[in-house]
C-alpha cells in the first residue's frame, strides 16, 4: 500500500495509476449508500472534486451531523482517525476529514485493483 500524506497526493497518485475514475465512482457508491444526494460527475477535475467534497463535508458537519457520522461509517473511516483530528479551526477539521475520506476510498480502490 502506498503511503499518501495529503489529499493532493491521493488525487495525483490515482491519476498516475489511472484509477481516478474508479475513485470517483467509489465515492458516488458510498455517498449513495449513506443516503446523500450529492453525485460527482465521472469527469470531474481533481481540484474540483476536492473543493466539492470540502463543501459537502462542511455542510454535513454544520447542518446534518448525523449524516456526517453516517457517511464516515459507510466509508469506514476509522474512529482512531477521527480522534486524531486537529480541532484548532473548523477549516482544518474539514480538510482533515476530506483527506481521511479520500484516503479510505483510495484504499478500497487500490485493494480491488491489486488483489
PDB file of N, CA and C in Angstrom:
ATOM      1  N   UNK A   1       0.856  -1.181   0.000  1.00  0.00           N
ATOM      2  CA  UNK A   1       0.000   0.000   0.000  1.00  0.00           C
ATOM      3  C   UNK A   1       0.895   1.235   0.000  1.00  0.00           C
ATOM      4  N   UNK A   2       0.541   2.168  -0.813  1.00  0.00           N
ATOM      5  CA  UNK A   2       1.323   3.390  -0.944  1.00  0.00           C
ATOM      6  C   UNK A   2       1.011   4.363   0.185  1.00  0.00           C
ATOM      7  N   UNK A   3       2.038   4.981   0.726  1.00  0.00           N
ATOM      8  CA  UNK A   3       1.849   5.983   1.784  1.00  0.00           C
ATOM      9  C   UNK A   3       1.555   7.335   1.129  1.00  0.00           C
ATOM     10  N   UNK A   4       0.389   7.842   1.358  1.00  0.00           N
ATOM     11  CA  UNK A   4      -0.029   9.119   0.779  1.00  0.00           C
ATOM     12  C   UNK A   4      -0.391  10.053   1.923  1.00  0.00           C
ATOM     13  N   UNK A   5       0.317  11.160   2.033  1.00  0.00           N
ATOM     14  CA  UNK A   5       0.178  12.012   3.205  1.00  0.00           C
ATOM     15  C   UNK A   5      -0.637  13.282   3.000  1.00  0.00           C
ATOM     16  N   UNK A   6      -1.291  13.409   1.849  1.00  0.00           N
ATOM     17  CA  UNK A   6      -2.127  14.593   1.623  1.00  0.00           C
ATOM     18  C   UNK A   6      -3.222  14.264   0.611  1.00  0.00           C
ATOM     19  N   UNK A   7      -4.229  15.094   0.625  1.00  0.00           N
ATOM     20  CA  UNK A   7      -5.315  14.950  -0.346  1.00  0.00           C
ATOM     21  C   UNK A   7      -4.775  15.046  -1.762  1.00  0.00           C
ATOM     22  N   UNK A   8      -3.885  16.009  -1.970  1.00  0.00           N
ATOM     23  CA  UNK A   8      -3.296  16.197  -3.298  1.00  0.00           C
ATOM     24  C   UNK A   8      -2.517  14.960  -3.737  1.00  0.00           C
ATOM     25  N   UNK A   9      -1.800  14.327  -2.808  1.00  0.00           N
ATOM     26  CA  UNK A   9      -1.032  13.123  -3.134  1.00  0.00           C
ATOM     27  C   UNK A   9      -1.956  11.978  -3.539  1.00  0.00           C
ATOM     28  N   UNK A  10      -3.082  11.855  -2.871  1.00  0.00           N
ATOM     29  CA  UNK A  10      -4.053  10.811  -3.213  1.00  0.00           C
ATOM     30  C   UNK A  10      -4.586  11.037  -4.623  1.00  0.00           C
ATOM     31  N   UNK A  11      -4.988  12.260  -4.901  1.00  0.00           N
ATOM     32  CA  UNK A  11      -5.553  12.572  -6.218  1.00  0.00           C
ATOM     33  C   UNK A  11      -4.509  12.402  -7.313  1.00  0.00           C
ATOM     34  N   UNK A  12      -3.296  12.842  -7.063  1.00  0.00           N
ATOM     35  CA  UNK A  12      -2.219  12.710  -8.041  1.00  0.00           C
ATOM     36  C   UNK A  12      -1.897  11.250  -8.310  1.00  0.00           C
ATOM     37  N   UNK A  13      -1.780  10.450  -7.261  1.00  0.00           N
ATOM     38  CA  UNK A  13      -1.455   9.028  -7.425  1.00  0.00           C
ATOM     39  C   UNK A  13      -2.581   8.296  -8.133  1.00  0.00           C
ATOM     40  N   UNK A  14      -3.818   8.646  -7.837  1.00  0.00           N
ATOM     41  CA  UNK A  14      -4.941   7.983  -8.504  1.00  0.00           C
ATOM     42  C   UNK A  14      -4.945   8.291 -10.000  1.00  0.00           C
ATOM     43  N   UNK A  15      -4.578   9.507 -10.360  1.00  0.00           N
ATOM     44  CA  UNK A  15      -4.469   9.854 -11.782  1.00  0.00           C
ATOM     45  C   UNK A  15      -3.290   9.130 -12.423  1.00  0.00           C
ATOM     46  N   UNK A  16      -2.184   9.124 -11.717  1.00  0.00           N
ATOM     47  CA  UNK A  16      -0.956   8.497 -12.213  1.00  0.00           C
ATOM     48  C   UNK A  16      -1.174   7.012 -12.514  1.00  0.00           C
ATOM     49  N   UNK A  17      -1.948   6.342 -11.684  1.00  0.00           N
ATOM     50  CA  UNK A  17      -2.205   4.914 -11.859  1.00  0.00           C
ATOM     51  C   UNK A  17      -3.494   4.640 -12.639  1.00  0.00           C
ATOM     52  N   UNK A  18      -4.057   5.678 -13.224  1.00  0.00           N
ATOM     53  CA  UNK A  18      -5.307   5.573 -13.992  1.00  0.00           C
ATOM     54  C   UNK A  18      -6.449   4.990 -13.155  1.00  0.00           C
ATOM     55  N   UNK A  19      -6.501   5.390 -11.900  1.00  0.00           N
ATOM     56  CA  UNK A  19      -7.549   4.914 -11.007  1.00  0.00           C
ATOM     57  C   UNK A  19      -8.456   6.037 -10.515  1.00  0.00           C
ATOM     58  N   UNK A  20      -8.266   7.224 -11.059  1.00  0.00           N
ATOM     59  CA  UNK A  20      -9.038   8.373 -10.603  1.00  0.00           C
ATOM     60  C   UNK A  20     -10.540   8.176 -10.826  1.00  0.00           C
ATOM     61  N   UNK A  21     -10.914   7.705 -11.997  1.00  0.00           N
ATOM     62  CA  UNK A  21     -12.335   7.493 -12.296  1.00  0.00           C
ATOM     63  C   UNK A  21     -12.936   6.480 -11.321  1.00  0.00           C
ATOM     64  N   UNK A  22     -12.173   5.439 -11.001  1.00  0.00           N
ATOM     65  CA  UNK A  22     -12.658   4.442 -10.045  1.00  0.00           C
ATOM     66  C   UNK A  22     -12.818   5.055  -8.651  1.00  0.00           C
ATOM     67  N   UNK A  23     -11.945   5.978  -8.305  1.00  0.00           N
ATOM     68  CA  UNK A  23     -12.047   6.677  -7.022  1.00  0.00           C
ATOM     69  C   UNK A  23     -13.345   7.485  -6.967  1.00  0.00           C
ATOM     70  N   UNK A  24     -13.652   8.194  -8.036  1.00  0.00           N
ATOM     71  CA  UNK A  24     -14.884   8.987  -8.105  1.00  0.00           C
ATOM     72  C   UNK A  24     -16.106   8.068  -8.028  1.00  0.00           C
ATOM     73  N   UNK A  25     -16.056   6.952  -8.740  1.00  0.00           N
ATOM     74  CA  UNK A  25     -17.171   6.006  -8.709  1.00  0.00           C
ATOM     75  C   UNK A  25     -17.363   5.407  -7.314  1.00  0.00           C
ATOM     76  N   UNK A  26     -16.265   5.139  -6.611  1.00  0.00           N
ATOM     77  CA  UNK A  26     -16.353   4.611  -5.252  1.00  0.00           C
ATOM     78  C   UNK A  26     -16.970   5.655  -4.311  1.00  0.00           C
ATOM     79  N   UNK A  27     -16.574   6.905  -4.476  1.00  0.00           N
ATOM     80  CA  UNK A  27     -17.187   7.978  -3.688  1.00  0.00           C
ATOM     81  C   UNK A  27     -18.694   8.038  -3.934  1.00  0.00           C
ATOM     82  N   UNK A  28     -19.082   7.998  -5.205  1.00  0.00           N
ATOM     83  CA  UNK A  28     -20.507   8.042  -5.546  1.00  0.00           C
ATOM     84  C   UNK A  28     -21.254   6.865  -4.940  1.00  0.00           C
ATOM     85  N   UNK A  29     -20.650   5.695  -5.007  1.00  0.00           N
ATOM     86  CA  UNK A  29     -21.278   4.487  -4.457  1.00  0.00           C
ATOM     87  C   UNK A  29     -21.507   4.645  -2.956  1.00  0.00           C
ATOM     88  N   UNK A  30     -20.507   5.116  -2.237  1.00  0.00           N
ATOM     89  CA  UNK A  30     -20.642   5.246  -0.791  1.00  0.00           C
ATOM     90  C   UNK A  30     -21.552   6.411  -0.398  1.00  0.00           C
ATOM     91  N   UNK A  31     -21.558   7.483  -1.183  1.00  0.00           N
ATOM     92  CA  UNK A  31     -22.498   8.574  -0.916  1.00  0.00           C
ATOM     93  C   UNK A  31     -23.930   8.075  -1.082  1.00  0.00           C
ATOM     94  N   UNK A  32     -24.172   7.282  -2.097  1.00  0.00           N
ATOM     95  CA  UNK A  32     -25.498   6.710  -2.317  1.00  0.00           C
ATOM     96  C   UNK A  32     -25.885   5.804  -1.146  1.00  0.00           C
ATOM     97  N   UNK A  33     -24.959   4.968  -0.706  1.00  0.00           N
ATOM     98  CA  UNK A  33     -25.220   4.078   0.430  1.00  0.00           C
ATOM     99  C   UNK A  33     -25.492   4.864   1.711  1.00  0.00           C
ATOM    100  N   UNK A  34     -24.907   6.063   1.824  1.00  0.00           N
ATOM    101  CA  UNK A  34     -25.119   6.911   3.001  1.00  0.00           C
ATOM    102  C   UNK A  34     -26.354   7.797   2.846  1.00  0.00           C
ATOM    103  N   UNK A  35     -27.128   7.570   1.787  1.00  0.00           N
ATOM    104  CA  UNK A  35     -28.358   8.327   1.507  1.00  0.00           C
ATOM    105  C   UNK A  35     -28.103   9.816   1.312  1.00  0.00           C
ATOM    106  N   UNK A  36     -26.972  10.142   0.686  1.00  0.00           N
ATOM    107  CA  UNK A  36     -26.671  11.532   0.357  1.00  0.00           C
ATOM    108  C   UNK A  36     -26.951  11.746  -1.127  1.00  0.00           C
ATOM    109  N   UNK A  37     -27.535  12.885  -1.442  1.00  0.00           N
ATOM    110  CA  UNK A  37     -27.962  13.138  -2.819  1.00  0.00           C
ATOM    111  C   UNK A  37     -26.838  13.633  -3.726  1.00  0.00           C
ATOM    112  N   UNK A  38     -25.712  14.017  -3.143  1.00  0.00           N
ATOM    113  CA  UNK A  38     -24.608  14.538  -3.941  1.00  0.00           C
ATOM    114  C   UNK A  38     -24.012  13.436  -4.820  1.00  0.00           C
ATOM    115  N   UNK A  39     -23.784  13.783  -6.084  1.00  0.00           N
ATOM    116  CA  UNK A  39     -23.160  12.861  -7.033  1.00  0.00           C
ATOM    117  C   UNK A  39     -22.067  13.633  -7.762  1.00  0.00           C
ATOM    118  N   UNK A  40     -20.907  13.013  -7.855  1.00  0.00           N
ATOM    119  CA  UNK A  40     -19.790  13.636  -8.562  1.00  0.00           C
ATOM    120  C   UNK A  40     -19.782  13.142 -10.002  1.00  0.00           C
ATOM    121  N   UNK A  41     -19.624  14.058 -10.942  1.00  0.00           N
ATOM    122  CA  UNK A  41     -19.504  13.667 -12.349  1.00  0.00           C
ATOM    123  C   UNK A  41     -18.248  12.814 -12.507  1.00  0.00           C
ATOM    124  N   UNK A  42     -18.296  11.837 -13.380  1.00  0.00           N
ATOM    125  CA  UNK A  42     -17.138  10.969 -13.588  1.00  0.00           C
ATOM    126  C   UNK A  42     -15.958  11.720 -14.171  1.00  0.00           C
ATOM    127  N   UNK A  43     -16.219  12.812 -14.871  1.00  0.00           N
ATOM    128  CA  UNK A  43     -15.136  13.575 -15.500  1.00  0.00           C
ATOM    129  C   UNK A  43     -14.732  14.810 -14.687  1.00  0.00           C
ATOM    130  N   UNK A  44     -15.111  14.850 -13.417  1.00  0.00           N
ATOM    131  CA  UNK A  44     -14.768  15.986 -12.571  1.00  0.00           C
ATOM    132  C   UNK A  44     -13.246  16.083 -12.422  1.00  0.00           C
ATOM    133  N   UNK A  45     -12.756  17.295 -12.459  1.00  0.00           N
ATOM    134  CA  UNK A  45     -11.325  17.514 -12.272  1.00  0.00           C
ATOM    135  C   UNK A  45     -10.958  17.288 -10.802  1.00  0.00           C
ATOM    136  N   UNK A  46      -9.768  16.778 -10.540  1.00  0.00           N
ATOM    137  CA  UNK A  46      -9.372  16.504  -9.151  1.00  0.00           C
ATOM    138  C   UNK A  46      -9.511  17.707  -8.216  1.00  0.00           C
ATOM    139  N   UNK A  47      -9.110  18.874  -8.662  1.00  0.00           N
ATOM    140  CA  UNK A  47      -9.217  20.054  -7.808  1.00  0.00           C
ATOM    141  C   UNK A  47     -10.683  20.381  -7.514  1.00  0.00           C
ATOM    142  N   UNK A  48     -11.548  20.205  -8.520  1.00  0.00           N
ATOM    143  CA  UNK A  48     -12.978  20.442  -8.316  1.00  0.00           C
ATOM    144  C   UNK A  48     -13.573  19.408  -7.359  1.00  0.00           C
ATOM    145  N   UNK A  49     -13.124  18.173  -7.464  1.00  0.00           N
ATOM    146  CA  UNK A  49     -13.580  17.123  -6.552  1.00  0.00           C
ATOM    147  C   UNK A  49     -13.222  17.490  -5.119  1.00  0.00           C
ATOM    148  N   UNK A  50     -12.001  17.932  -4.926  1.00  0.00           N
ATOM    149  CA  UNK A  50     -11.536  18.324  -3.591  1.00  0.00           C
ATOM    150  C   UNK A  50     -12.395  19.466  -3.035  1.00  0.00           C
ATOM    151  N   UNK A  51     -12.662  20.470  -3.853  1.00  0.00           N
ATOM    152  CA  UNK A  51     -13.463  21.624  -3.417  1.00  0.00           C
ATOM    153  C   UNK A  51     -14.888  21.187  -3.088  1.00  0.00           C
ATOM    154  N   UNK A  52     -15.503  20.404  -3.974  1.00  0.00           N
ATOM    155  CA  UNK A  52     -16.883  19.963  -3.737  1.00  0.00           C
ATOM    156  C   UNK A  52     -16.984  19.079  -2.501  1.00  0.00           C
ATOM    157  N   UNK A  53     -16.022  18.188  -2.341  1.00  0.00           N
ATOM    158  CA  UNK A  53     -16.031  17.310  -1.175  1.00  0.00           C
ATOM    159  C   UNK A  53     -15.865  18.142   0.106  1.00  0.00           C
ATOM    160  N   UNK A  54     -15.025  19.149   0.048  1.00  0.00           N
ATOM    161  CA  UNK A  54     -14.830  20.054   1.191  1.00  0.00           C
ATOM    162  C   UNK A  54     -16.148  20.747   1.542  1.00  0.00           C
ATOM    163  N   UNK A  55     -16.856  21.233   0.530  1.00  0.00           N
ATOM    164  CA  UNK A  55     -18.137  21.920   0.757  1.00  0.00           C
ATOM    165  C   UNK A  55     -19.184  20.967   1.340  1.00  0.00           C
ATOM    166  N   UNK A  56     -19.217  19.758   0.833  1.00  0.00           N
ATOM    167  CA  UNK A  56     -20.196  18.769   1.312  1.00  0.00           C
ATOM    168  C   UNK A  56     -19.921  18.402   2.763  1.00  0.00           C
ATOM    169  N   UNK A  57     -18.664  18.144   3.082  1.00  0.00           N
ATOM    170  CA  UNK A  57     -18.310  17.783   4.456  1.00  0.00           C
ATOM    171  C   UNK A  57     -18.618  18.944   5.405  1.00  0.00           C
ATOM    172  N   UNK A  58     -18.309  20.158   4.998  1.00  0.00           N
ATOM    173  CA  UNK A  58     -18.608  21.330   5.832  1.00  0.00           C
ATOM    174  C   UNK A  58     -20.104  21.432   6.098  1.00  0.00           C
ATOM    175  N   UNK A  59     -20.895  21.250   5.054  1.00  0.00           N
ATOM    176  CA  UNK A  59     -22.348  21.322   5.208  1.00  0.00           C
ATOM    177  C   UNK A  59     -22.850  20.220   6.139  1.00  0.00           C
ATOM    178  N   UNK A  60     -22.331  19.020   5.964  1.00  0.00           N
ATOM    179  CA  UNK A  60     -22.766  17.916   6.818  1.00  0.00           C
ATOM    180  C   UNK A  60     -22.407  18.168   8.281  1.00  0.00           C
ATOM    181  N   UNK A  61     -21.197  18.615   8.524  1.00  0.00           N
ATOM    182  CA  UNK A  61     -20.768  18.865   9.905  1.00  0.00           C
ATOM    183  C   UNK A  61     -21.610  19.960  10.545  1.00  0.00           C
ATOM    184  N   UNK A  62     -21.889  21.017   9.792  1.00  0.00           N
ATOM    185  CA  UNK A  62     -22.599  22.176  10.343  1.00  0.00           C
ATOM    186  C   UNK A  62     -24.113  22.043  10.372  1.00  0.00           C
ATOM    187  N   UNK A  63     -24.674  21.251   9.442  1.00  0.00           N
ATOM    188  CA  UNK A  63     -26.131  21.217   9.332  1.00  0.00           C
ATOM    189  C   UNK A  63     -26.759  19.842   9.517  1.00  0.00           C
ATOM    190  N   UNK A  64     -26.024  18.788   9.215  1.00  0.00           N
ATOM    191  CA  UNK A  64     -26.587  17.436   9.275  1.00  0.00           C
ATOM    192  C   UNK A  64     -25.561  16.491   9.900  1.00  0.00           C
ATOM    193  N   UNK A  65     -25.259  16.711  11.171  1.00  0.00           N
ATOM    194  CA  UNK A  65     -24.178  15.972  11.810  1.00  0.00           C
ATOM    195  C   UNK A  65     -24.400  14.460  11.773  1.00  0.00           C
ATOM    196  N   UNK A  66     -25.635  14.017  11.903  1.00  0.00           N
ATOM    197  CA  UNK A  66     -25.894  12.573  11.839  1.00  0.00           C
ATOM    198  C   UNK A  66     -25.589  12.041  10.440  1.00  0.00           C
ATOM    199  N   UNK A  67     -25.825  12.848   9.411  1.00  0.00           N
ATOM    200  CA  UNK A  67     -25.462  12.456   8.046  1.00  0.00           C
ATOM    201  C   UNK A  67     -23.955  12.355   7.871  1.00  0.00           C
ATOM    202  N   UNK A  68     -23.239  13.260   8.520  1.00  0.00           N
ATOM    203  CA  UNK A  68     -21.773  13.233   8.508  1.00  0.00           C
ATOM    204  C   UNK A  68     -21.270  11.940   9.154  1.00  0.00           C
ATOM    205  N   UNK A  69     -21.801  11.626  10.333  1.00  0.00           N
ATOM    206  CA  UNK A  69     -21.383  10.403  11.023  1.00  0.00           C
ATOM    207  C   UNK A  69     -21.732   9.162  10.216  1.00  0.00           C
ATOM    208  N   UNK A  70     -22.884   9.171   9.595  1.00  0.00           N
ATOM    209  CA  UNK A  70     -23.299   8.045   8.759  1.00  0.00           C
ATOM    210  C   UNK A  70     -22.350   7.872   7.570  1.00  0.00           C
ATOM    211  N   UNK A  71     -21.962   8.974   6.952  1.00  0.00           N
ATOM    212  CA  UNK A  71     -21.029   8.908   5.826  1.00  0.00           C
ATOM    213  C   UNK A  71     -19.697   8.304   6.265  1.00  0.00           C
ATOM    214  N   UNK A  72     -19.173   8.763   7.393  1.00  0.00           N
ATOM    215  CA  UNK A  72     -17.913   8.205   7.891  1.00  0.00           C
ATOM    216  C   UNK A  72     -18.041   6.712   8.167  1.00  0.00           C
ATOM    217  N   UNK A  73     -19.182   6.310   8.697  1.00  0.00           N
ATOM    218  CA  UNK A  73     -19.422   4.894   8.980  1.00  0.00           C
ATOM    219  C   UNK A  73     -19.481   4.086   7.684  1.00  0.00           C
ATOM    220  N   UNK A  74     -20.225   4.583   6.703  1.00  0.00           N
ATOM    221  CA  UNK A  74     -20.371   3.880   5.423  1.00  0.00           C
ATOM    222  C   UNK A  74     -19.024   3.767   4.720  1.00  0.00           C
ATOM    223  N   UNK A  75     -18.267   4.848   4.715  1.00  0.00           N
ATOM    224  CA  UNK A  75     -16.963   4.837   4.048  1.00  0.00           C
ATOM    225  C   UNK A  75     -15.972   3.999   4.845  1.00  0.00           C
ATOM    226  N   UNK A  76     -16.198   3.868   6.142  1.00  0.00           N
ATOM    227  CA  UNK A  76     -15.349   3.080   7.035  1.00  0.00           C
ATOM    228  C   UNK A  76     -14.084   3.831   7.416  1.00  0.00           C
ATOM    229  N   UNK A  77     -14.255   5.123   7.722  1.00  0.00           N
ATOM    230  CA  UNK A  77     -13.153   5.908   8.275  1.00  0.00           C
ATOM    231  C   UNK A  77     -13.035   5.490   9.738  1.00  0.00           C
ATOM    232  N   UNK A  78     -11.840   5.102  10.147  1.00  0.00           N
ATOM    233  CA  UNK A  78     -11.677   4.561  11.495  1.00  0.00           C
ATOM    234  C   UNK A  78     -11.909   5.619  12.571  1.00  0.00           C
ATOM    235  N   UNK A  79     -12.429   5.163  13.674  1.00  0.00           N
ATOM    236  CA  UNK A  79     -12.670   6.038  14.812  1.00  0.00           C
ATOM    237  C   UNK A  79     -11.353   6.641  15.304  1.00  0.00           C
ATOM    238  N   UNK A  80     -10.288   5.895  15.207  1.00  0.00           N
ATOM    239  CA  UNK A  80      -8.968   6.389  15.609  1.00  0.00           C
ATOM    240  C   UNK A  80      -8.558   7.606  14.782  1.00  0.00           C
ATOM    241  N   UNK A  81      -8.848   7.571  13.487  1.00  0.00           N
ATOM    242  CA  UNK A  81      -8.535   8.719  12.619  1.00  0.00           C
ATOM    243  C   UNK A  81      -9.311   9.954  13.069  1.00  0.00           C
ATOM    244  N   UNK A  82     -10.568   9.770  13.380  1.00  0.00           N
ATOM    245  CA  UNK A  82     -11.399  10.900  13.801  1.00  0.00           C
ATOM    246  C   UNK A  82     -10.893  11.464  15.127  1.00  0.00           C
ATOM    247  N   UNK A  83     -10.432  10.605  16.006  1.00  0.00           N
ATOM    248  CA  UNK A  83      -9.883  11.067  17.282  1.00  0.00           C
ATOM    249  C   UNK A  83      -8.593  11.861  17.082  1.00  0.00           C
ATOM    250  N   UNK A  84      -7.913  11.652  15.960  1.00  0.00           N
ATOM    251  CA  UNK A  84      -6.660  12.352  15.667  1.00  0.00           C
ATOM    252  C   UNK A  84      -6.886  13.761  15.107  1.00  0.00           C
ATOM    253  N   UNK A  85      -8.114  14.123  14.829  1.00  0.00           N
ATOM    254  CA  UNK A  85      -8.387  15.423  14.217  1.00  0.00           C
ATOM    255  C   UNK A  85      -7.824  16.565  15.044  1.00  0.00           C
ATOM    256  N   UNK A  86      -7.203  17.496  14.351  1.00  0.00           N
ATOM    257  CA  UNK A  86      -6.698  18.715  14.980  1.00  0.00           C
ATOM    258  C   UNK A  86      -7.859  19.709  14.992  1.00  0.00           C
ATOM    259  N   UNK A  87      -8.364  20.002  16.153  1.00  0.00           N
ATOM    260  CA  UNK A  87      -9.592  20.787  16.285  1.00  0.00           C
ATOM    261  C   UNK A  87      -9.371  22.284  16.386  1.00  0.00           C
ATOM    262  N   UNK A  88      -8.197  22.775  15.977  1.00  0.00           N
ATOM    263  CA  UNK A  88      -7.885  24.201  16.104  1.00  0.00           C
ATOM    264  C   UNK A  88      -8.860  25.088  15.336  1.00  0.00           C
ATOM    265  N   UNK A  89      -9.137  24.744  14.094  1.00  0.00           N
ATOM    266  CA  UNK A  89     -10.076  25.537  13.294  1.00  0.00           C
ATOM    267  C   UNK A  89     -11.033  24.608  12.560  1.00  0.00           C
ATOM    268  N   UNK A  90     -12.228  25.110  12.265  1.00  0.00           N
ATOM    269  CA  UNK A  90     -13.200  24.273  11.556  1.00  0.00           C
ATOM    270  C   UNK A  90     -12.705  23.945  10.151  1.00  0.00           C
ATOM    271  N   UNK A  91     -12.012  24.884   9.521  1.00  0.00           N
ATOM    272  CA  UNK A  91     -11.466  24.634   8.186  1.00  0.00           C
ATOM    273  C   UNK A  91     -10.465  23.487   8.220  1.00  0.00           C
ATOM    274  N   UNK A  92      -9.661  23.460   9.254  1.00  0.00           N
ATOM    275  CA  UNK A  92      -8.674  22.397   9.434  1.00  0.00           C
ATOM    276  C   UNK A  92      -9.366  21.044   9.631  1.00  0.00           C
ATOM    277  N   UNK A  93     -10.418  21.017  10.423  1.00  0.00           N
ATOM    278  CA  UNK A  93     -11.175  19.790  10.674  1.00  0.00           C
ATOM    279  C   UNK A  93     -11.781  19.274   9.370  1.00  0.00           C
ATOM    280  N   UNK A  94     -12.335  20.167   8.586  1.00  0.00           N
ATOM    281  CA  UNK A  94     -12.957  19.768   7.324  1.00  0.00           C
ATOM    282  C   UNK A  94     -11.907  19.224   6.366  1.00  0.00           C
ATOM    283  N   UNK A  95     -10.778  19.898   6.245  1.00  0.00           N
ATOM    284  CA  UNK A  95      -9.702  19.442   5.357  1.00  0.00           C
ATOM    285  C   UNK A  95      -9.194  18.070   5.778  1.00  0.00           C
ATOM    286  N   UNK A  96      -9.055  17.847   7.076  1.00  0.00           N
ATOM    287  CA  UNK A  96      -8.604  16.537   7.560  1.00  0.00           C
ATOM    288  C   UNK A  96      -9.642  15.458   7.264  1.00  0.00           C
ATOM    289  N   UNK A  97     -10.917  15.791   7.403  1.00  0.00           N
ATOM    290  CA  UNK A  97     -11.985  14.843   7.090  1.00  0.00           C
ATOM    291  C   UNK A  97     -11.954  14.469   5.611  1.00  0.00           C
ATOM    292  N   UNK A  98     -11.779  15.456   4.749  1.00  0.00           N
ATOM    293  CA  UNK A  98     -11.697  15.202   3.309  1.00  0.00           C
ATOM    294  C   UNK A  98     -10.533  14.256   3.031  1.00  0.00           C
ATOM    295  N   UNK A  99      -9.407  14.504   3.671  1.00  0.00           N
ATOM    296  CA  UNK A  99      -8.244  13.627   3.494  1.00  0.00           C
ATOM    297  C   UNK A  99      -8.563  12.205   3.942  1.00  0.00           C
ATOM    298  N   UNK A 100      -9.145  12.040   5.129  1.00  0.00           N
ATOM    299  CA  UNK A 100      -9.458  10.699   5.635  1.00  0.00           C
ATOM    300  C   UNK A 100     -10.464   9.979   4.734  1.00  0.00           C
ATOM    301  N   UNK A 101     -11.448  10.710   4.229  1.00  0.00           N
ATOM    302  CA  UNK A 101     -12.441  10.120   3.328  1.00  0.00           C
ATOM    303  C   UNK A 101     -11.771   9.662   2.032  1.00  0.00           C
ATOM    304  N   UNK A 102     -10.995  10.552   1.429  1.00  0.00           N
ATOM    305  CA  UNK A 102     -10.327  10.182   0.172  1.00  0.00           C
ATOM    306  C   UNK A 102      -9.316   9.064   0.382  1.00  0.00           C
ATOM    307  N   UNK A 103      -8.617   9.080   1.497  1.00  0.00           N
ATOM    308  CA  UNK A 103      -7.642   8.023   1.772  1.00  0.00           C
ATOM    309  C   UNK A 103      -8.328   6.667   1.882  1.00  0.00           C
ATOM    310  N   UNK A 104      -9.433   6.612   2.595  1.00  0.00           N
ATOM    311  CA  UNK A 104     -10.137   5.323   2.747  1.00  0.00           C
ATOM    312  C   UNK A 104     -10.722   4.868   1.419  1.00  0.00           C
ATOM    313  N   UNK A 105     -11.278   5.791   0.655  1.00  0.00           N
ATOM    314  CA  UNK A 105     -11.817   5.427  -0.648  1.00  0.00           C
ATOM    315  C   UNK A 105     -10.695   4.962  -1.574  1.00  0.00           C
ATOM    316  N   UNK A 106      -9.547   5.635  -1.516  1.00  0.00           N
ATOM    317  CA  UNK A 106      -8.382   5.237  -2.308  1.00  0.00           C
ATOM    318  C   UNK A 106      -7.948   3.823  -1.929  1.00  0.00           C
ATOM    319  N   UNK A 107      -7.925   3.514  -0.643  1.00  0.00           N
ATOM    320  CA  UNK A 107      -7.537   2.174  -0.199  1.00  0.00           C
ATOM    321  C   UNK A 107      -8.469   1.124  -0.776  1.00  0.00           C
ATOM    322  N   UNK A 108      -9.770   1.397  -0.769  1.00  0.00           N
ATOM    323  CA  UNK A 108     -10.734   0.450  -1.327  1.00  0.00           C
ATOM    324  C   UNK A 108     -10.448   0.202  -2.803  1.00  0.00           C
ATOM    325  N   UNK A 109     -10.253   1.284  -3.554  1.00  0.00           N
ATOM    326  CA  UNK A 109      -9.994   1.173  -4.996  1.00  0.00           C
ATOM    327  C   UNK A 109      -8.686   0.431  -5.240  1.00  0.00           C
ATOM    328  N   UNK A 110      -7.637   0.808  -4.529  1.00  0.00           N
ATOM    329  CA  UNK A 110      -6.321   0.214  -4.728  1.00  0.00           C
ATOM    330  C   UNK A 110      -6.352  -1.277  -4.432  1.00  0.00           C
ATOM    331  N   UNK A 111      -7.010  -1.682  -3.334  1.00  0.00           N
ATOM    332  CA  UNK A 111      -7.079  -3.087  -2.988  1.00  0.00           C
ATOM    333  C   UNK A 111      -7.891  -3.884  -4.013  1.00  0.00           C
ATOM    334  N   UNK A 112      -8.976  -3.311  -4.506  1.00  0.00           N
ATOM    335  CA  UNK A 112      -9.782  -4.012  -5.517  1.00  0.00           C
ATOM    336  C   UNK A 112      -8.982  -4.280  -6.769  1.00  0.00           C
ATOM    337  N   UNK A 113      -8.148  -3.318  -7.161  1.00  0.00           N
ATOM    338  CA  UNK A 113      -7.357  -3.459  -8.379  1.00  0.00           C
ATOM    339  C   UNK A 113      -6.173  -4.414  -8.180  1.00  0.00           C
ATOM    340  N   UNK A 114      -5.590  -4.403  -6.992  1.00  0.00           N
ATOM    341  CA  UNK A 114      -4.381  -5.163  -6.759  1.00  0.00           C
ATOM    342  C   UNK A 114      -4.575  -6.528  -6.113  1.00  0.00           C
ATOM    343  N   UNK A 115      -5.777  -6.830  -5.638  1.00  0.00           N
ATOM    344  CA  UNK A 115      -5.990  -8.151  -5.018  1.00  0.00           C
ATOM    345  C   UNK A 115      -7.269  -8.789  -5.464  1.00  0.00           C
TER     346      UNK A 115
END
